[in-house]
């Protein structure tokens, strides 16, 4: 559930419909890994993360999580064909960390976008 632009709950997915401009533009950071890549976006108030599969098409387990420093992580996990996410958090003047996985292989960031 997203309330007032801030994700509530430990595993509340933020959808594109809930925050339409959260992942717009070019990614600020891209973290490639063997089965896909983790893309991190940031605008003035929000940070957003999406995990993309390297080879879309087959339904497989994917996840993406994003956590602002001092806040709860927002996660989307499931079986997808192309991507997991987007997930967004309020990140005005806050560092974030993210994790993305495709088929059990993934990548995590440290605290970034500070």
Foldseek 3Di string as FASTA:
>chain_A
DADPNADDDQAAADACVNPVCQPDDAFPDWADDDFWIKTWHDDQWKIWIKTFGPQFDAWFWKKKWKAWVVGHIYMFIDTHRTMTDTGMHGANVTWMKMWIDTRRDTDIDDTDPD
